[in-house]
Amino acid sequence: MVEIEAETIGVSELVGDRNGPIVNTSTSIELQFEEEPISYQVNIWDSTDNLKGSFKDVVLDGQSGKTIYEVVATWERGTGYYVFPLTIN
């Protein structure tokens, strides 16, 4: 029998008090990877670590203020998680 225990912190703790770049809903954001992943999704979180939605791209419409984005990308060798804040006007 094998037991694995892991602990993580919420995305809001990872971002901390950083506000990120100021953008508006017409800003175009393109994700660039050194090696193209097999798949990826973009999660939008609020400041209390509640998932607001999952998308194929960075969605700015319907968001305002400090918004936390998490990109979950999968390659043959594993999965990577990237978190960044944007301040949306």
C-alpha atoms as a PDB file:
ATOM      1  CA  MET A   1       0.000   0.000   0.000  1.00  0.00           C
ATOM      2  CA  VAL A   2       1.310   3.434  -0.965  1.00  0.00           C
ATOM      3  CA  GLU A   3       0.076   6.719   0.393  1.00  0.00           C
ATOM      4  CA  ILE A   4       0.797  10.104  -1.147  1.00  0.00           C
ATOM      5  CA  GLU A   5      -0.031  13.319   0.639  1.00  0.00           C
ATOM      6  CA  ALA A   6       0.241  16.692  -1.034  1.00  0.00           C
ATOM      7  CA  GLU A   7      -0.637  20.216  -0.025  1.00  0.00           C
ATOM      8  CA  THR A   8      -1.195  23.192  -2.268  1.00  0.00           C
ATOM      9  CA  ILE A   9      -2.021  26.832  -1.790  1.00  0.00           C
ATOM     10  CA  GLY A  10      -4.762  28.682  -3.600  1.00  0.00           C
ATOM     11  CA  VAL A  11      -4.115  30.719  -6.732  1.00  0.00           C
ATOM     12  CA  SER A  12      -4.846  33.957  -4.852  1.00  0.00           C
ATOM     13  CA  GLU A  13      -1.986  33.174  -2.454  1.00  0.00           C
ATOM     14  CA  LEU A  14       0.341  32.445  -5.375  1.00  0.00           C
ATOM     15  CA  VAL A  15      -0.464  35.828  -6.918  1.00  0.00           C
ATOM     16  CA  GLY A  16      -0.395  37.664  -3.585  1.00  0.00           C
ATOM     17  CA  ASP A  17      -0.967  41.410  -3.750  1.00  0.00           C
ATOM     18  CA  ARG A  18       0.316  41.778  -7.334  1.00  0.00           C
ATOM     19  CA  ASN A  19      -2.277  43.450  -9.575  1.00  0.00           C
ATOM     20  CA  GLY A  20      -0.723  42.614 -12.924  1.00  0.00           C
ATOM     21  CA  PRO A  21      -0.826  44.691 -16.100  1.00  0.00           C
ATOM     22  CA  ILE A  22      -3.821  46.946 -16.713  1.00  0.00           C
ATOM     23  CA  VAL A  23      -5.791  45.838 -19.786  1.00  0.00           C
ATOM     24  CA  ASN A  24      -9.262  46.419 -21.199  1.00  0.00           C
ATOM     25  CA  THR A  25     -11.715  43.972 -22.721  1.00  0.00           C
ATOM     26  CA  SER A  26     -10.494  44.719 -26.252  1.00  0.00           C
ATOM     27  CA  THR A  27      -6.874  43.789 -25.418  1.00  0.00           C
ATOM     28  CA  SER A  28      -5.591  40.814 -27.408  1.00  0.00           C
ATOM     29  CA  ILE A  29      -3.656  38.260 -25.352  1.00  0.00           C
ATOM     30  CA  GLU A  30      -1.801  35.419 -27.036  1.00  0.00           C
ATOM     31  CA  LEU A  31      -0.242  32.526 -25.127  1.00  0.00           C
ATOM     32  CA  GLN A  32       3.140  31.444 -26.450  1.00  0.00           C
ATOM     33  CA  PHE A  33       4.851  28.210 -25.441  1.00  0.00           C
ATOM     34  CA  GLU A  34       8.436  27.244 -26.202  1.00  0.00           C
ATOM     35  CA  GLU A  35       7.073  23.792 -27.056  1.00  0.00           C
ATOM     36  CA  GLU A  36       3.423  23.620 -28.125  1.00  0.00           C
ATOM     37  CA  PRO A  37       1.432  21.583 -25.568  1.00  0.00           C
ATOM     38  CA  ILE A  38      -0.859  18.712 -26.516  1.00  0.00           C
ATOM     39  CA  SER A  39      -3.674  20.687 -24.906  1.00  0.00           C
ATOM     40  CA  TYR A  40      -4.272  23.552 -22.530  1.00  0.00           C
ATOM     41  CA  GLN A  41      -7.105  25.347 -20.798  1.00  0.00           C
ATOM     42  CA  VAL A  42      -7.371  28.750 -19.166  1.00  0.00           C
ATOM     43  CA  ASN A  43      -9.144  28.918 -15.799  1.00  0.00           C
ATOM     44  CA  ILE A  44     -10.423  32.195 -14.364  1.00  0.00           C
ATOM     45  CA  TRP A  45     -10.440  32.541 -10.567  1.00  0.00           C
ATOM     46  CA  ASP A  46     -11.777  35.197  -8.245  1.00  0.00           C
ATOM     47  CA  SER A  47      -9.847  36.588  -5.273  1.00  0.00           C
ATOM     48  CA  THR A  48     -11.352  33.972  -2.916  1.00  0.00           C
ATOM     49  CA  ASP A  49     -10.189  30.983  -5.021  1.00  0.00           C
ATOM     50  CA  ASN A  50     -13.563  30.259  -6.584  1.00  0.00           C
ATOM     51  CA  LEU A  51     -13.395  29.018 -10.170  1.00  0.00           C
ATOM     52  CA  LYS A  52     -15.363  31.401 -12.408  1.00  0.00           C
ATOM     53  CA  GLY A  53     -14.900  29.415 -15.628  1.00  0.00           C
ATOM     54  CA  SER A  54     -12.637  27.369 -17.914  1.00  0.00           C
ATOM     55  CA  PHE A  55     -11.878  28.443 -21.479  1.00  0.00           C
ATOM     56  CA  LYS A  56      -9.652  27.664 -24.472  1.00  0.00           C
ATOM     57  CA  ASP A  57      -8.197  31.204 -24.468  1.00  0.00           C
ATOM     58  CA  VAL A  58      -7.691  34.140 -22.109  1.00  0.00           C
ATOM     59  CA  VAL A  59     -11.185  35.647 -21.867  1.00  0.00           C
ATOM     60  CA  LEU A  60     -11.404  39.286 -20.777  1.00  0.00           C
ATOM     61  CA  ASP A  61     -15.103  39.943 -21.558  1.00  0.00           C
ATOM     62  CA  GLY A  62     -17.284  39.931 -18.467  1.00  0.00           C
ATOM     63  CA  GLN A  63     -14.323  40.409 -16.124  1.00  0.00           C
ATOM     64  CA  SER A  64     -13.341  43.528 -14.192  1.00  0.00           C
ATOM     65  CA  GLY A  65     -10.780  44.543 -11.614  1.00  0.00           C
ATOM     66  CA  LYS A  66      -8.102  42.122 -10.469  1.00  0.00           C
ATOM     67  CA  THR A  67      -8.678  38.798 -12.200  1.00  0.00           C
ATOM     68  CA  ILE A  68      -6.508  35.700 -11.744  1.00  0.00           C
ATOM     69  CA  TYR A  69      -5.795  33.435 -14.713  1.00  0.00           C
ATOM     70  CA  GLU A  70      -4.388  29.917 -14.512  1.00  0.00           C
ATOM     71  CA  VAL A  71      -3.117  28.149 -17.614  1.00  0.00           C
ATOM     72  CA  VAL A  72      -3.024  24.353 -17.311  1.00  0.00           C
ATOM     73  CA  ALA A  73      -0.939  22.950 -20.172  1.00  0.00           C
ATOM     74  CA  THR A  74      -0.251  19.269 -20.884  1.00  0.00           C
ATOM     75  CA  TRP A  75       2.738  17.816 -22.711  1.00  0.00           C
ATOM     76  CA  GLU A  76       3.838  14.192 -23.134  1.00  0.00           C
ATOM     77  CA  ARG A  77       6.245  14.674 -20.210  1.00  0.00           C
ATOM     78  CA  GLY A  78       3.652  16.140 -17.834  1.00  0.00           C
ATOM     79  CA  THR A  79       1.460  19.072 -16.934  1.00  0.00           C
ATOM     80  CA  GLY A  80       2.456  22.645 -16.158  1.00  0.00           C
ATOM     81  CA  TYR A  81       0.481  25.242 -14.213  1.00  0.00           C
ATOM     82  CA  TYR A  82       0.993  28.971 -14.812  1.00  0.00           C
ATOM     83  CA  VAL A  83      -0.771  31.665 -12.788  1.00  0.00           C
ATOM     84  CA  PHE A  84      -0.901  35.404 -13.517  1.00  0.00           C
ATOM     85  CA  PRO A  85      -3.111  38.362 -12.559  1.00  0.00           C
ATOM     86  CA  LEU A  86      -4.547  41.012 -14.862  1.00  0.00           C
ATOM     87  CA  THR A  87      -6.292  44.226 -13.864  1.00  0.00           C
ATOM     88  CA  ILE A  88      -9.201  44.673 -16.269  1.00  0.00           C
ATOM     89  CA  ASN A  89     -10.778  48.104 -16.825  1.00  0.00           C
END
